[in-house]
Amino acid sequence: MLNKNAITIERHIIDQQERHPGATGALTRLLHQIALSSKMITHEVRRAGLLDILGDAGHTNVQDEDVQKLDVIADEVIYRNLDHAGVLCCMASEERAKMIPIPSQFDCGKYTLAFDPLDGSTNIDANVSVGTIFSVHRKISPGERGTEEDLLQPGYKQVVAGYVVYGSSTIMVYTAGHGVQGFTLEPSIGEFLLSHPNIRIPKRGKIFSVNMGNYHYWTKGVQKYVDYLTTPDKEGKKPYTSRYIGSMVADVHRTLLYGGIFMYPLDMKDPKKPRGKLRMLYEAAPMAKVIEQAGGLATNGTESLLEIVPRDLHERTPLFVGSYDDVMEVGEYIKKYDAEKA
């Protein structure tokens, strides 16, 4: 039986709007459209195995990654729900090489939206949790229409950041700069209900999440840190437990709730061209905003992710997010061992 006092995401957003007398309602409409998009994507994900929407779409994206059919569907759902809403001046998507302008026949708004429509989609054929990540900035360019300048802003200037997990249930988590709230989709009524109010991440956790298959491509500092996490004590107990799903939204969501650290370190496979894996604008920055609003920390190993200004729409970065003490600790290892090498 449903709780009669259940708070829908629409009610929560409106309650928050009423606390700001100068609010125009534009951000409220934007969040409503994101919630609607996630409901529609949930519908597609839930029936993926019954229809011909699994597998590759037959082309690659700007990152030279194979695009999945559901990537295309999710990207189109978000775009079509937001292009005419009158709240955005431009968008950016993982699936599109260039900035997405608002069609000339529609009004422009004062916000931008950058999004990864379906993070972890390569795992969906195996029924692994996937998700959507979104980031909203306020327009800063002087013209009526949006430009890349409006999108390429540091993470700390995000007005809203969040993600949606499509797993055993669909959960939308977001922050508007006043804490982190989580809403679970109740399929019987088609509404997101507040299920995780004011999420706070533990200051230290007992779980680390990283792709151990890349161990030999990490810097010495990260290797030493992971060695510490996995070395048994005198009683034979390891200080941390390893958990890695391979879908960043799912891994970060678990980290947010249980504490610990999620890492995607710098890849040193080619020492002359070290590279990060995750995209700053629509993956790293919004996750960093959520984690820090919940009391955690997010860095690229040496500096705050929220302070970095992306240079292009698809710029990549290393990522360390999670419990404050854990992220500080890996930073100390990187500073000690990688500084020695330098």
C-alpha atoms as a PDB file:
ATOM      1  CA  MET A   1       0.000   0.000   0.000  1.00  0.00           C
ATOM      2  CA  LEU A   2       1.288   3.472  -0.910  1.00  0.00           C
ATOM      3  CA  ASN A   3       2.084   5.947   1.820  1.00  0.00           C
ATOM      4  CA  LYS A   4      -0.723   8.519   1.853  1.00  0.00           C
ATOM      5  CA  ASN A   5       1.850  11.186   2.708  1.00  0.00           C
ATOM      6  CA  ALA A   6       4.116  10.283  -0.212  1.00  0.00           C
ATOM      7  CA  ILE A   7       5.788  13.286  -1.830  1.00  0.00           C
ATOM      8  CA  THR A   8       5.950  13.269  -5.618  1.00  0.00           C
ATOM      9  CA  ILE A   9       8.888  14.811  -7.423  1.00  0.00           C
ATOM     10  CA  GLU A  10       6.540  17.443  -8.884  1.00  0.00           C
ATOM     11  CA  ARG A  11       5.367  18.488  -5.427  1.00  0.00           C
ATOM     12  CA  HIS A  12       8.927  18.531  -4.111  1.00  0.00           C
ATOM     13  CA  ILE A  13      10.177  20.708  -6.982  1.00  0.00           C
ATOM     14  CA  ILE A  14       7.290  23.155  -6.603  1.00  0.00           C
ATOM     15  CA  ASP A  15       7.848  23.330  -2.828  1.00  0.00           C
ATOM     16  CA  GLN A  16      11.469  24.210  -3.504  1.00  0.00           C
ATOM     17  CA  GLN A  17      10.456  26.835  -6.063  1.00  0.00           C
ATOM     18  CA  GLU A  18       8.130  28.524  -3.565  1.00  0.00           C
ATOM     19  CA  ARG A  19      11.083  29.028  -1.211  1.00  0.00           C
ATOM     20  CA  HIS A  20      12.631  31.350  -3.799  1.00  0.00           C
ATOM     21  CA  PRO A  21      10.293  34.316  -4.396  1.00  0.00           C
ATOM     22  CA  GLY A  22      12.152  35.404  -7.535  1.00  0.00           C
ATOM     23  CA  ALA A  23      11.850  32.011  -9.250  1.00  0.00           C
ATOM     24  CA  THR A  24      10.259  32.084 -12.705  1.00  0.00           C
ATOM     25  CA  GLY A  25       9.303  28.413 -12.852  1.00  0.00           C
ATOM     26  CA  ALA A  26      11.663  27.718 -15.773  1.00  0.00           C
ATOM     27  CA  LEU A  27      13.895  25.408 -13.741  1.00  0.00           C
ATOM     28  CA  THR A  28      10.808  23.631 -12.425  1.00  0.00           C
ATOM     29  CA  ARG A  29       9.631  22.967 -15.988  1.00  0.00           C
ATOM     30  CA  LEU A  30      13.098  21.754 -16.932  1.00  0.00           C
ATOM     31  CA  LEU A  31      13.190  19.235 -14.089  1.00  0.00           C
ATOM     32  CA  HIS A  32       9.665  18.077 -14.936  1.00  0.00           C
ATOM     33  CA  GLN A  33      10.774  17.367 -18.514  1.00  0.00           C
ATOM     34  CA  ILE A  34      13.858  15.470 -17.335  1.00  0.00           C
ATOM     35  CA  ALA A  35      11.652  13.358 -15.051  1.00  0.00           C
ATOM     36  CA  LEU A  36       9.250  12.721 -17.933  1.00  0.00           C
ATOM     37  CA  SER A  37      12.139  11.711 -20.191  1.00  0.00           C
ATOM     38  CA  SER A  38      13.403   9.239 -17.607  1.00  0.00           C
ATOM     39  CA  LYS A  39       9.926   7.649 -17.388  1.00  0.00           C
ATOM     40  CA  MET A  40       9.888   7.222 -21.155  1.00  0.00           C
ATOM     41  CA  ILE A  41      13.400   5.766 -21.189  1.00  0.00           C
ATOM     42  CA  THR A  42      12.404   3.403 -18.366  1.00  0.00           C
ATOM     43  CA  HIS A  43       9.596   2.137 -20.592  1.00  0.00           C
ATOM     44  CA  GLU A  44      12.051   1.396 -23.416  1.00  0.00           C
ATOM     45  CA  VAL A  45      14.655  -0.212 -21.149  1.00  0.00           C
ATOM     46  CA  ARG A  46      12.067  -2.458 -19.486  1.00  0.00           C
ATOM     47  CA  ARG A  47      10.978  -3.976 -22.808  1.00  0.00           C
ATOM     48  CA  ALA A  48      14.407  -3.979 -24.465  1.00  0.00           C
ATOM     49  CA  GLY A  49      14.643  -7.773 -24.544  1.00  0.00           C
ATOM     50  CA  LEU A  50      11.237  -8.099 -26.208  1.00  0.00           C
ATOM     51  CA  LEU A  51      11.855  -5.729 -29.097  1.00  0.00           C
ATOM     52  CA  ASP A  52      14.624  -5.260 -31.628  1.00  0.00           C
ATOM     53  CA  ILE A  53      16.263  -2.436 -29.679  1.00  0.00           C
ATOM     54  CA  LEU A  54      19.225  -4.293 -28.208  1.00  0.00           C
ATOM     55  CA  GLY A  55      22.719  -4.322 -29.690  1.00  0.00           C
ATOM     56  CA  ASP A  56      24.704  -1.937 -31.870  1.00  0.00           C
ATOM     57  CA  ALA A  57      23.044   0.790 -33.905  1.00  0.00           C
ATOM     58  CA  GLY A  58      25.656   0.288 -36.621  1.00  0.00           C
ATOM     59  CA  HIS A  59      27.741   3.445 -36.151  1.00  0.00           C
ATOM     60  CA  THR A  60      30.110   5.105 -33.678  1.00  0.00           C
ATOM     61  CA  ASN A  61      29.847   8.366 -31.747  1.00  0.00           C
ATOM     62  CA  VAL A  62      32.350  11.203 -31.429  1.00  0.00           C
ATOM     63  CA  GLN A  63      34.336   9.121 -28.891  1.00  0.00           C
ATOM     64  CA  ASP A  64      34.674   6.340 -31.502  1.00  0.00           C
ATOM     65  CA  GLU A  65      32.503   4.092 -29.344  1.00  0.00           C
ATOM     66  CA  ASP A  66      29.903   1.747 -30.793  1.00  0.00           C
ATOM     67  CA  VAL A  67      26.501   3.367 -30.398  1.00  0.00           C
ATOM     68  CA  GLN A  68      23.778   1.100 -29.012  1.00  0.00           C
ATOM     69  CA  LYS A  69      20.231   1.239 -30.347  1.00  0.00           C
ATOM     70  CA  LEU A  70      18.969   2.309 -26.933  1.00  0.00           C
ATOM     71  CA  ASP A  71      21.544   5.146 -26.901  1.00  0.00           C
ATOM     72  CA  VAL A  72      19.848   6.583 -29.963  1.00  0.00           C
ATOM     73  CA  ILE A  73      16.378   6.165 -28.480  1.00  0.00           C
ATOM     74  CA  ALA A  74      17.311   7.762 -25.137  1.00  0.00           C
ATOM     75  CA  ASP A  75      19.115  10.645 -26.851  1.00  0.00           C
ATOM     76  CA  GLU A  76      16.092  11.366 -29.032  1.00  0.00           C
ATOM     77  CA  VAL A  77      13.652  11.156 -26.099  1.00  0.00           C
ATOM     78  CA  ILE A  78      15.569  13.769 -24.091  1.00  0.00           C
ATOM     79  CA  TYR A  79      16.094  16.055 -27.068  1.00  0.00           C
ATOM     80  CA  ARG A  80      12.459  15.956 -28.179  1.00  0.00           C
ATOM     81  CA  ASN A  81      11.154  16.598 -24.683  1.00  0.00           C
ATOM     82  CA  LEU A  82      13.407  19.625 -24.140  1.00  0.00           C
ATOM     83  CA  ASP A  83      13.858  21.297 -27.540  1.00  0.00           C
ATOM     84  CA  HIS A  84      10.488  23.073 -27.446  1.00  0.00           C
ATOM     85  CA  ALA A  85      10.059  23.614 -23.699  1.00  0.00           C
ATOM     86  CA  GLY A  86      11.287  27.206 -23.802  1.00  0.00           C
ATOM     87  CA  VAL A  87      13.724  26.718 -20.919  1.00  0.00           C
ATOM     88  CA  LEU A  88      16.979  25.864 -22.747  1.00  0.00           C
ATOM     89  CA  CYS A  89      19.268  27.898 -24.973  1.00  0.00           C
ATOM     90  CA  CYS A  90      21.304  24.873 -26.133  1.00  0.00           C
ATOM     91  CA  MET A  91      22.174  21.266 -25.311  1.00  0.00           C
ATOM     92  CA  ALA A  92      25.091  18.836 -25.549  1.00  0.00           C
ATOM     93  CA  SER A  93      24.938  15.041 -25.665  1.00  0.00           C
ATOM     94  CA  GLU A  94      27.494  12.272 -25.561  1.00  0.00           C
ATOM     95  CA  GLU A  95      25.984  10.988 -28.784  1.00  0.00           C
ATOM     96  CA  ARG A  96      26.421  14.214 -30.780  1.00  0.00           C
ATOM     97  CA  ALA A  97      29.718  15.722 -31.827  1.00  0.00           C
ATOM     98  CA  LYS A  98      28.612  19.355 -31.768  1.00  0.00           C
ATOM     99  CA  MET A  99      26.479  21.594 -29.603  1.00  0.00           C
ATOM    100  CA  ILE A 100      22.750  21.044 -30.104  1.00  0.00           C
ATOM    101  CA  PRO A 101      21.008  24.354 -30.863  1.00  0.00           C
ATOM    102  CA  ILE A 102      17.380  24.998 -30.046  1.00  0.00           C
ATOM    103  CA  PRO A 103      15.373  24.977 -33.316  1.00  0.00           C
ATOM    104  CA  SER A 104      14.697  28.498 -34.543  1.00  0.00           C
ATOM    105  CA  GLN A 105      10.904  28.048 -34.360  1.00  0.00           C
ATOM    106  CA  PHE A 106      11.067  27.525 -30.592  1.00  0.00           C
ATOM    107  CA  ASP A 107      11.730  30.029 -27.824  1.00  0.00           C
ATOM    108  CA  CYS A 108      15.109  29.974 -26.084  1.00  0.00           C
ATOM    109  CA  GLY A 109      15.447  29.887 -22.333  1.00  0.00           C
ATOM    110  CA  LYS A 110      18.194  30.795 -19.875  1.00  0.00           C
ATOM    111  CA  TYR A 111      19.594  27.333 -19.129  1.00  0.00           C
ATOM    112  CA  THR A 112      21.776  24.732 -20.839  1.00  0.00           C
ATOM    113  CA  LEU A 113      21.537  20.955 -20.611  1.00  0.00           C
ATOM    114  CA  ALA A 114      24.431  18.528 -21.063  1.00  0.00           C
ATOM    115  CA  PHE A 115      23.602  14.843 -20.805  1.00  0.00           C
ATOM    116  CA  ASP A 116      24.726  11.287 -21.255  1.00  0.00           C
ATOM    117  CA  PRO A 117      21.471   9.715 -22.422  1.00  0.00           C
ATOM    118  CA  LEU A 118      22.306   6.117 -21.490  1.00  0.00           C
ATOM    119  CA  ASP A 119      25.483   5.540 -19.492  1.00  0.00           C
ATOM    120  CA  GLY A 120      26.631   1.910 -19.428  1.00  0.00           C
ATOM    121  CA  SER A 121      24.562   0.970 -22.464  1.00  0.00           C
ATOM    122  CA  THR A 122      27.097  -1.603 -23.701  1.00  0.00           C
ATOM    123  CA  ASN A 123      26.075  -3.720 -20.683  1.00  0.00           C
ATOM    124  CA  ILE A 124      22.359  -3.625 -21.328  1.00  0.00           C
ATOM    125  CA  ASP A 125      22.297  -6.852 -23.357  1.00  0.00           C
ATOM    126  CA  ALA A 126      23.336  -8.570 -20.089  1.00  0.00           C
ATOM    127  CA  ASN A 127      20.550  -6.812 -18.136  1.00  0.00           C
ATOM    128  CA  VAL A 128      23.026  -4.704 -16.151  1.00  0.00           C
ATOM    129  CA  SER A 129      21.812  -1.418 -14.651  1.00  0.00           C
ATOM    130  CA  VAL A 130      22.243   1.625 -16.886  1.00  0.00           C
ATOM    131  CA  GLY A 131      21.477   5.289 -16.366  1.00  0.00           C
ATOM    132  CA  THR A 132      21.102   8.867 -17.556  1.00  0.00           C
ATOM    133  CA  ILE A 133      23.341  11.707 -16.314  1.00  0.00           C
ATOM    134  CA  PHE A 134      22.430  15.383 -16.642  1.00  0.00           C
ATOM    135  CA  SER A 135      23.975  18.773 -15.925  1.00  0.00           C
ATOM    136  CA  VAL A 136      22.349  22.218 -16.055  1.00  0.00           C
ATOM    137  CA  HIS A 137      24.110  25.583 -16.247  1.00  0.00           C
ATOM    138  CA  ARG A 138      22.737  29.096 -16.477  1.00  0.00           C
ATOM    139  CA  LYS A 139      23.231  30.922 -19.789  1.00  0.00           C
ATOM    140  CA  ILE A 140      26.119  33.434 -19.688  1.00  0.00           C
ATOM    141  CA  SER A 141      26.521  34.557 -23.320  1.00  0.00           C
ATOM    142  CA  PRO A 142      24.891  37.856 -24.346  1.00  0.00           C
ATOM    143  CA  GLY A 143      23.008  36.703 -27.445  1.00  0.00           C
ATOM    144  CA  GLU A 144      19.499  35.311 -27.634  1.00  0.00           C
ATOM    145  CA  ARG A 145      20.661  31.851 -28.744  1.00  0.00           C
ATOM    146  CA  GLY A 146      23.055  29.643 -26.821  1.00  0.00           C
ATOM    147  CA  THR A 147      26.721  29.059 -27.630  1.00  0.00           C
ATOM    148  CA  GLU A 148      29.410  26.601 -26.514  1.00  0.00           C
ATOM    149  CA  GLU A 149      30.483  29.245 -24.000  1.00  0.00           C
ATOM    150  CA  ASP A 150      27.259  28.589 -22.124  1.00  0.00           C
ATOM    151  CA  LEU A 151      28.051  24.882 -21.877  1.00  0.00           C
ATOM    152  CA  LEU A 152      31.783  25.065 -21.146  1.00  0.00           C
ATOM    153  CA  GLN A 153      31.536  26.223 -17.542  1.00  0.00           C
ATOM    154  CA  PRO A 154      33.123  24.800 -14.371  1.00  0.00           C
ATOM    155  CA  GLY A 155      31.163  22.253 -12.388  1.00  0.00           C
ATOM    156  CA  TYR A 156      30.672  24.443  -9.348  1.00  0.00           C
ATOM    157  CA  LYS A 157      28.447  26.700 -11.468  1.00  0.00           C
ATOM    158  CA  GLN A 158      25.968  23.905 -12.177  1.00  0.00           C
ATOM    159  CA  VAL A 159      22.450  24.962 -11.229  1.00  0.00           C
ATOM    160  CA  VAL A 160      21.218  21.367 -11.213  1.00  0.00           C
ATOM    161  CA  ALA A 161      23.043  18.053 -11.542  1.00  0.00           C
ATOM    162  CA  GLY A 162      21.852  14.500 -11.243  1.00  0.00           C
ATOM    163  CA  TYR A 163      21.343  11.060 -12.668  1.00  0.00           C
ATOM    164  CA  VAL A 164      18.744   8.351 -13.158  1.00  0.00           C
ATOM    165  CA  VAL A 165      19.426   4.659 -12.500  1.00  0.00           C
ATOM    166  CA  TYR A 166      17.436   2.128 -14.512  1.00  0.00           C
ATOM    167  CA  GLY A 167      17.829  -1.002 -12.395  1.00  0.00           C
ATOM    168  CA  SER A 168      15.508  -3.205 -10.379  1.00  0.00           C
ATOM    169  CA  SER A 169      13.700   0.090  -9.858  1.00  0.00           C
ATOM    170  CA  THR A 170      14.149   3.470 -11.505  1.00  0.00           C
ATOM    171  CA  ILE A 171      15.656   6.063  -9.181  1.00  0.00           C
ATOM    172  CA  MET A 172      16.244   9.723  -9.988  1.00  0.00           C
ATOM    173  CA  VAL A 173      18.790  11.564  -7.838  1.00  0.00           C
ATOM    174  CA  TYR A 174      19.445  15.271  -8.170  1.00  0.00           C
ATOM    175  CA  THR A 175      20.760  18.352  -6.439  1.00  0.00           C
ATOM    176  CA  ALA A 176      19.849  21.978  -7.004  1.00  0.00           C
ATOM    177  CA  GLY A 177      22.557  23.168  -4.642  1.00  0.00           C
ATOM    178  CA  HIS A 178      20.634  22.501  -1.430  1.00  0.00           C
ATOM    179  CA  GLY A 179      21.409  18.873  -0.645  1.00  0.00           C
ATOM    180  CA  VAL A 180      20.710  15.673  -2.557  1.00  0.00           C
ATOM    181  CA  GLN A 181      17.300  14.065  -2.991  1.00  0.00           C
ATOM    182  CA  GLY A 182      16.376  10.651  -4.406  1.00  0.00           C
ATOM    183  CA  PHE A 183      13.050   9.634  -5.951  1.00  0.00           C
ATOM    184  CA  THR A 184      11.903   6.127  -6.865  1.00  0.00           C
ATOM    185  CA  LEU A 185       9.485   5.564  -9.720  1.00  0.00           C
ATOM    186  CA  GLU A 186       6.287   3.871  -8.553  1.00  0.00           C
ATOM    187  CA  PRO A 187       5.208   2.066 -11.738  1.00  0.00           C
ATOM    188  CA  SER A 188       1.617   1.489 -10.651  1.00  0.00           C
ATOM    189  CA  ILE A 189       0.897   5.229 -10.675  1.00  0.00           C
ATOM    190  CA  GLY A 190       3.718   6.434 -12.940  1.00  0.00           C
ATOM    191  CA  GLU A 191       5.087   8.887 -10.372  1.00  0.00           C
ATOM    192  CA  PHE A 192       8.486   9.508  -8.837  1.00  0.00           C
ATOM    193  CA  LEU A 193       8.109   9.468  -5.043  1.00  0.00           C
ATOM    194  CA  LEU A 194      10.609  10.848  -2.553  1.00  0.00           C
ATOM    195  CA  SER A 195      12.397   7.776  -1.206  1.00  0.00           C
ATOM    196  CA  HIS A 196      15.852   9.081  -0.248  1.00  0.00           C
ATOM    197  CA  PRO A 197      15.532  12.562   1.324  1.00  0.00           C
ATOM    198  CA  ASN A 198      18.664  14.564   2.128  1.00  0.00           C
ATOM    199  CA  ILE A 199      21.178  11.864   1.190  1.00  0.00           C
ATOM    200  CA  ARG A 200      24.470  12.060   3.079  1.00  0.00           C
ATOM    201  CA  ILE A 201      27.455   9.942   2.093  1.00  0.00           C
ATOM    202  CA  PRO A 202      29.459   8.394   4.982  1.00  0.00           C
ATOM    203  CA  LYS A 203      32.713  10.225   5.674  1.00  0.00           C
ATOM    204  CA  ARG A 204      34.607   6.979   5.079  1.00  0.00           C
ATOM    205  CA  GLY A 205      33.467   3.730   3.512  1.00  0.00           C
ATOM    206  CA  LYS A 206      34.561   0.131   3.159  1.00  0.00           C
ATOM    207  CA  ILE A 207      34.024  -0.393  -0.572  1.00  0.00           C
ATOM    208  CA  PHE A 208      36.244   0.593  -3.480  1.00  0.00           C
ATOM    209  CA  SER A 209      35.116   0.460  -7.082  1.00  0.00           C
ATOM    210  CA  VAL A 210      37.550   0.426 -10.005  1.00  0.00           C
ATOM    211  CA  ASN A 211      38.282  -1.656 -13.103  1.00  0.00           C
ATOM    212  CA  MET A 212      41.158  -3.780 -11.781  1.00  0.00           C
ATOM    213  CA  GLY A 213      41.881  -4.981 -15.307  1.00  0.00           C
ATOM    214  CA  ASN A 214      43.567  -1.624 -15.937  1.00  0.00           C
ATOM    215  CA  TYR A 215      45.898  -1.877 -12.908  1.00  0.00           C
ATOM    216  CA  HIS A 216      49.121  -1.992 -14.955  1.00  0.00           C
ATOM    217  CA  TYR A 217      48.176   1.196 -16.818  1.00  0.00           C
ATOM    218  CA  TRP A 218      47.804   3.347 -13.675  1.00  0.00           C
ATOM    219  CA  THR A 219      50.357   5.650 -12.110  1.00  0.00           C
ATOM    220  CA  LYS A 220      52.418   4.358  -9.217  1.00  0.00           C
ATOM    221  CA  GLY A 221      50.437   6.405  -6.709  1.00  0.00           C
ATOM    222  CA  VAL A 222      47.119   4.804  -7.677  1.00  0.00           C
ATOM    223  CA  GLN A 223      48.686   1.340  -7.738  1.00  0.00           C
ATOM    224  CA  LYS A 224      50.087   1.840  -4.241  1.00  0.00           C
ATOM    225  CA  TYR A 225      46.696   3.031  -2.992  1.00  0.00           C
ATOM    226  CA  VAL A 226      44.880   0.014  -4.405  1.00  0.00           C
ATOM    227  CA  ASP A 227      47.588  -2.280  -2.983  1.00  0.00           C
ATOM    228  CA  TYR A 228      46.861  -0.762   0.419  1.00  0.00           C
ATOM    229  CA  LEU A 229      43.117  -1.321  -0.020  1.00  0.00           C
ATOM    230  CA  THR A 230      43.568  -4.981  -0.930  1.00  0.00           C
ATOM    231  CA  THR A 231      46.373  -6.049   1.436  1.00  0.00           C
ATOM    232  CA  PRO A 232      45.114  -8.216   4.335  1.00  0.00           C
ATOM    233  CA  ASP A 233      46.025  -7.194   7.875  1.00  0.00           C
ATOM    234  CA  LYS A 234      47.710  -9.485  10.433  1.00  0.00           C
ATOM    235  CA  GLU A 235      44.396 -11.247  10.996  1.00  0.00           C
ATOM    236  CA  GLY A 236      43.949 -11.891   7.308  1.00  0.00           C
ATOM    237  CA  LYS A 237      41.180  -9.317   6.828  1.00  0.00           C
ATOM    238  CA  LYS A 238      41.240  -6.895   3.918  1.00  0.00           C
ATOM    239  CA  PRO A 239      40.392  -3.300   4.877  1.00  0.00           C
ATOM    240  CA  TYR A 240      38.151  -2.756   1.823  1.00  0.00           C
ATOM    241  CA  THR A 241      35.810  -4.795  -0.345  1.00  0.00           C
ATOM    242  CA  SER A 242      35.927  -4.527  -4.124  1.00  0.00           C
ATOM    243  CA  ARG A 243      32.685  -3.901  -5.999  1.00  0.00           C
ATOM    244  CA  TYR A 244      32.669  -2.928  -9.678  1.00  0.00           C
ATOM    245  CA  ILE A 245      29.590  -3.079 -11.906  1.00  0.00           C
ATOM    246  CA  GLY A 246      31.038  -1.381 -14.982  1.00  0.00           C
ATOM    247  CA  SER A 247      28.141   1.057 -15.277  1.00  0.00           C
ATOM    248  CA  MET A 248      29.283   4.350 -13.738  1.00  0.00           C
ATOM    249  CA  VAL A 249      25.802   5.479 -12.717  1.00  0.00           C
ATOM    250  CA  ALA A 250      25.229   2.257 -10.787  1.00  0.00           C
ATOM    251  CA  ASP A 251      28.715   2.284  -9.228  1.00  0.00           C
ATOM    252  CA  VAL A 252      28.458   5.921  -8.128  1.00  0.00           C
ATOM    253  CA  HIS A 253      24.918   5.424  -6.830  1.00  0.00           C
ATOM    254  CA  ARG A 254      26.087   2.585  -4.579  1.00  0.00           C
ATOM    255  CA  THR A 255      29.038   4.692  -3.445  1.00  0.00           C
ATOM    256  CA  LEU A 256      26.719   7.586  -2.605  1.00  0.00           C
ATOM    257  CA  LEU A 257      24.510   5.384  -0.429  1.00  0.00           C
ATOM    258  CA  TYR A 258      27.113   3.136   1.215  1.00  0.00           C
ATOM    259  CA  GLY A 259      30.279   5.221   1.141  1.00  0.00           C
ATOM    260  CA  GLY A 260      33.718   4.353  -0.171  1.00  0.00           C
ATOM    261  CA  ILE A 261      35.310   5.424  -3.429  1.00  0.00           C
ATOM    262  CA  PHE A 262      34.728   5.071  -7.167  1.00  0.00           C
ATOM    263  CA  MET A 263      37.777   5.584  -9.355  1.00  0.00           C
ATOM    264  CA  TYR A 264      38.580   5.846 -13.033  1.00  0.00           C
ATOM    265  CA  PRO A 265      42.292   6.778 -12.898  1.00  0.00           C
ATOM    266  CA  LEU A 266      44.494   8.296 -15.566  1.00  0.00           C
ATOM    267  CA  ASP A 267      45.366   5.700 -18.216  1.00  0.00           C
ATOM    268  CA  MET A 268      49.134   5.511 -18.800  1.00  0.00           C
ATOM    269  CA  LYS A 269      49.066   2.813 -21.470  1.00  0.00           C
ATOM    270  CA  ASP A 270      50.793   5.302 -23.734  1.00  0.00           C
ATOM    271  CA  PRO A 271      53.014   7.359 -21.354  1.00  0.00           C
ATOM    272  CA  LYS A 272      53.369  10.053 -24.007  1.00  0.00           C
ATOM    273  CA  LYS A 273      49.601  10.454 -24.203  1.00  0.00           C
ATOM    274  CA  PRO A 274      48.063   9.813 -20.768  1.00  0.00           C
ATOM    275  CA  ARG A 275      44.296  10.057 -20.938  1.00  0.00           C
ATOM    276  CA  GLY A 276      41.229  10.070 -18.784  1.00  0.00           C
ATOM    277  CA  LYS A 277      38.209   7.987 -19.675  1.00  0.00           C
ATOM    278  CA  LEU A 278      35.143   9.868 -18.463  1.00  0.00           C
ATOM    279  CA  ARG A 279      33.752  13.021 -20.040  1.00  0.00           C
ATOM    280  CA  MET A 280      34.001  16.106 -17.877  1.00  0.00           C
ATOM    281  CA  LEU A 281      30.911  17.998 -18.971  1.00  0.00           C
ATOM    282  CA  TYR A 282      28.150  15.405 -18.771  1.00  0.00           C
ATOM    283  CA  GLU A 283      29.636  12.585 -16.668  1.00  0.00           C
ATOM    284  CA  ALA A 284      32.316  13.725 -14.205  1.00  0.00           C
ATOM    285  CA  ALA A 285      31.074  17.217 -13.308  1.00  0.00           C
ATOM    286  CA  PRO A 286      27.434  16.299 -12.536  1.00  0.00           C
ATOM    287  CA  MET A 287      28.496  13.259 -10.489  1.00  0.00           C
ATOM    288  CA  ALA A 288      31.006  15.435  -8.640  1.00  0.00           C
ATOM    289  CA  LYS A 289      28.295  17.980  -7.846  1.00  0.00           C
ATOM    290  CA  VAL A 290      25.972  15.317  -6.448  1.00  0.00           C
ATOM    291  CA  ILE A 291      28.688  13.662  -4.357  1.00  0.00           C
ATOM    292  CA  GLU A 292      29.952  16.943  -2.889  1.00  0.00           C
ATOM    293  CA  GLN A 293      26.436  18.165  -2.120  1.00  0.00           C
ATOM    294  CA  ALA A 294      26.034  14.955  -0.116  1.00  0.00           C
ATOM    295  CA  GLY A 295      29.197  15.661   1.888  1.00  0.00           C
ATOM    296  CA  GLY A 296      31.703  13.741  -0.223  1.00  0.00           C
ATOM    297  CA  LEU A 297      34.592  14.798  -2.429  1.00  0.00           C
ATOM    298  CA  ALA A 298      35.436  14.612  -6.146  1.00  0.00           C
ATOM    299  CA  THR A 299      38.832  15.175  -7.775  1.00  0.00           C
ATOM    300  CA  ASN A 300      40.851  14.243 -10.833  1.00  0.00           C
ATOM    301  CA  GLY A 301      43.526  12.989  -8.448  1.00  0.00           C
ATOM    302  CA  THR A 302      45.195  16.326  -7.826  1.00  0.00           C
ATOM    303  CA  GLU A 303      42.530  19.034  -8.062  1.00  0.00           C
ATOM    304  CA  SER A 304      38.825  19.564  -7.518  1.00  0.00           C
ATOM    305  CA  LEU A 305      36.729  18.452 -10.474  1.00  0.00           C
ATOM    306  CA  LEU A 306      34.252  21.238  -9.829  1.00  0.00           C
ATOM    307  CA  GLU A 307      36.901  23.905 -10.367  1.00  0.00           C
ATOM    308  CA  ILE A 308      38.005  22.692 -13.813  1.00  0.00           C
ATOM    309  CA  VAL A 309      36.755  24.548 -16.885  1.00  0.00           C
ATOM    310  CA  PRO A 310      36.242  22.079 -19.766  1.00  0.00           C
ATOM    311  CA  ARG A 311      37.908  23.123 -23.001  1.00  0.00           C
ATOM    312  CA  ASP A 312      35.580  21.243 -25.317  1.00  0.00           C
ATOM    313  CA  LEU A 313      32.279  19.421 -25.132  1.00  0.00           C
ATOM    314  CA  HIS A 314      33.788  15.952 -24.937  1.00  0.00           C
ATOM    315  CA  GLU A 315      36.923  16.556 -22.887  1.00  0.00           C
ATOM    316  CA  ARG A 316      37.944  13.533 -20.798  1.00  0.00           C
ATOM    317  CA  THR A 317      39.230  13.397 -17.242  1.00  0.00           C
ATOM    318  CA  PRO A 318      40.367  10.966 -14.553  1.00  0.00           C
ATOM    319  CA  LEU A 319      37.809  10.666 -11.760  1.00  0.00           C
ATOM    320  CA  PHE A 320      37.919   9.940  -8.016  1.00  0.00           C
ATOM    321  CA  VAL A 321      34.599  10.397  -6.201  1.00  0.00           C
ATOM    322  CA  GLY A 322      33.161   9.196  -2.929  1.00  0.00           C
ATOM    323  CA  SER A 323      33.550   9.535   0.813  1.00  0.00           C
ATOM    324  CA  TYR A 324      35.558  12.596   1.804  1.00  0.00           C
ATOM    325  CA  ASP A 325      38.278  10.749   3.731  1.00  0.00           C
ATOM    326  CA  ASP A 326      38.722   8.098   1.038  1.00  0.00           C
ATOM    327  CA  VAL A 327      39.149  10.597  -1.789  1.00  0.00           C
ATOM    328  CA  MET A 328      41.541  12.666   0.317  1.00  0.00           C
ATOM    329  CA  GLU A 329      43.558   9.510   1.009  1.00  0.00           C
ATOM    330  CA  VAL A 330      43.996   8.514  -2.630  1.00  0.00           C
ATOM    331  CA  GLY A 331      45.082  12.095  -3.320  1.00  0.00           C
ATOM    332  CA  GLU A 332      47.815  11.746  -0.697  1.00  0.00           C
ATOM    333  CA  TYR A 333      49.120   8.594  -2.376  1.00  0.00           C
ATOM    334  CA  ILE A 334      49.128  10.290  -5.782  1.00  0.00           C
ATOM    335  CA  LYS A 335      50.902  13.331  -4.378  1.00  0.00           C
ATOM    336  CA  LYS A 336      53.527  11.225  -2.616  1.00  0.00           C
ATOM    337  CA  TYR A 337      54.417   8.618  -5.235  1.00  0.00           C
ATOM    338  CA  ASP A 338      53.687  10.401  -8.500  1.00  0.00           C
ATOM    339  CA  ALA A 339      55.406  13.585  -7.330  1.00  0.00           C
ATOM    340  CA  GLU A 340      58.513  11.491  -6.602  1.00  0.00           C
ATOM    341  CA  LYS A 341      58.439  10.142 -10.150  1.00  0.00           C
ATOM    342  CA  ALA A 342      58.061  13.629 -11.570  1.00  0.00           C
END
